[in-house]
Amino acid sequence: MQDRLSDDWTLASLADACGLSQATLIRRFQALVGEAPMAHLMRLRMERAAEWLKSGDDKLSVLAARLGYQSEAAFARRFKEFHGVWPGEFRRVG
């Protein structure tokens, strides 16, 4: 999952990739990682987005696609929910 952030992951596709039921995946993942699989995926994406915003000048649409978001707007909304600021503002203040 962390090496394929742009994939269109769902709980079902993660469970299939692991050969587990969704309930078993959630239970084992939570015990091992400390958070639910989809919450972990979102956190990984948002942490990577912050790294890329600080270190590069790619357009937001490029970052959104690299992180599995269908649109720049969807990515920007999720980024603001997670970090408390819009991606452009985050990039400016670094």
Protein backbone atom coordinates (compact mmCIF):
# COMPACT_ATOMS: atom_id res chain seq x y z
CA MET A 1 0.00 0.00 0.00
CA GLN A 2 2.68 2.52 0.95
CA ASP A 3 4.62 1.85 -2.24
CA ARG A 4 1.50 2.19 -4.40
CA LEU A 5 -0.23 5.28 -3.02
CA SER A 6 -1.78 6.15 -6.37
CA ASP A 7 -3.71 2.88 -6.56
CA ASP A 8 -7.46 3.09 -6.09
CA TRP A 9 -7.39 1.21 -2.79
CA THR A 10 -10.57 0.11 -1.10
CA LEU A 11 -10.92 -1.99 2.00
CA ALA A 12 -12.03 -4.86 -0.25
CA SER A 13 -9.01 -4.56 -2.55
CA LEU A 14 -6.62 -4.40 0.42
CA ALA A 15 -8.22 -7.48 1.95
CA ASP A 16 -7.98 -9.31 -1.38
CA ALA A 17 -4.31 -8.34 -1.73
CA CYS A 18 -3.66 -9.81 1.71
CA GLY A 19 -5.82 -12.88 1.22
CA LEU A 20 -7.95 -11.96 4.22
CA SER A 21 -11.54 -11.08 4.92
CA GLN A 22 -12.17 -7.39 5.47
CA ALA A 23 -12.97 -7.96 9.15
CA THR A 24 -9.77 -9.95 9.70
CA LEU A 25 -7.71 -7.34 7.87
CA ILE A 26 -9.14 -4.55 10.00
CA ARG A 27 -8.57 -6.45 13.23
CA ARG A 28 -5.00 -7.51 12.40
CA PHE A 29 -4.02 -4.18 10.89
CA GLN A 30 -5.36 -2.27 13.88
CA ALA A 31 -3.46 -4.53 16.27
CA LEU A 32 -0.21 -4.28 14.33
CA VAL A 33 -0.23 -0.67 13.12
CA GLY A 34 -2.50 1.00 15.64
CA GLU A 35 -5.01 2.45 13.20
CA ALA A 36 -7.51 1.24 10.63
CA PRO A 37 -6.17 0.45 7.14
CA MET A 38 -7.96 3.27 5.32
CA ALA A 39 -7.02 5.81 7.99
CA HIS A 40 -3.42 4.66 7.66
CA LEU A 41 -3.59 5.04 3.88
CA MET A 42 -4.93 8.59 4.20
CA ARG A 43 -2.21 9.49 6.71
CA LEU A 44 0.50 8.08 4.44
CA ARG A 45 -0.86 10.05 1.50
CA MET A 46 -1.08 13.28 3.49
CA GLU A 47 2.42 12.88 4.94
CA ARG A 48 3.83 12.23 1.48
CA ALA A 49 1.89 15.20 0.10
CA ALA A 50 3.44 17.45 2.76
CA GLU A 51 6.93 16.18 1.90
CA TRP A 52 6.38 16.81 -1.81
CA LEU A 53 4.88 20.24 -1.24
CA LYS A 54 7.89 21.28 0.84
CA SER A 55 10.52 19.86 -1.48
CA GLY A 56 9.16 20.39 -4.97
CA ASP A 57 7.15 22.58 -7.24
CA ASP A 58 4.87 20.06 -8.96
CA LYS A 59 1.38 21.28 -9.69
CA LEU A 60 -1.30 20.18 -7.27
CA SER A 61 -3.00 18.21 -10.03
CA VAL A 62 0.19 16.16 -10.48
CA LEU A 63 0.49 15.53 -6.74
CA ALA A 64 -3.18 14.59 -6.55
CA ALA A 65 -2.77 11.98 -9.29
CA ARG A 66 0.41 10.60 -7.72
CA LEU A 67 -1.50 10.13 -4.47
CA GLY A 68 -4.57 8.46 -5.95
CA TYR A 69 -7.01 11.36 -5.95
CA GLN A 70 -9.37 11.76 -8.90
CA SER A 71 -9.19 15.54 -8.82
CA GLU A 72 -7.10 18.38 -7.50
CA ALA A 73 -10.12 19.65 -5.58
CA ALA A 74 -10.66 16.32 -3.78
CA PHE A 75 -6.98 16.22 -2.86
CA ALA A 76 -6.99 19.83 -1.64
CA ARG A 77 -10.08 19.28 0.55
CA ARG A 78 -8.57 16.17 2.14
CA PHE A 79 -5.25 17.96 2.67
CA LYS A 80 -7.00 20.84 4.44
CA GLU A 81 -8.97 18.43 6.62
CA PHE A 82 -5.77 16.67 7.63
CA HIS A 83 -3.28 19.55 7.93
CA GLY A 84 -5.64 22.44 8.69
CA VAL A 85 -4.43 24.56 5.76
CA TRP A 86 -4.83 24.44 2.00
CA PRO A 87 -1.95 22.86 0.04
CA GLY A 88 -0.96 26.16 -1.57
CA GLU A 89 -0.74 27.87 1.81
CA PHE A 90 1.22 24.92 3.22
CA ARG A 91 3.68 25.19 0.36
CA ARG A 92 4.14 28.95 0.85
CA VAL A 93 4.78 28.79 4.59
CA GLY A 94 6.69 25.49 4.35
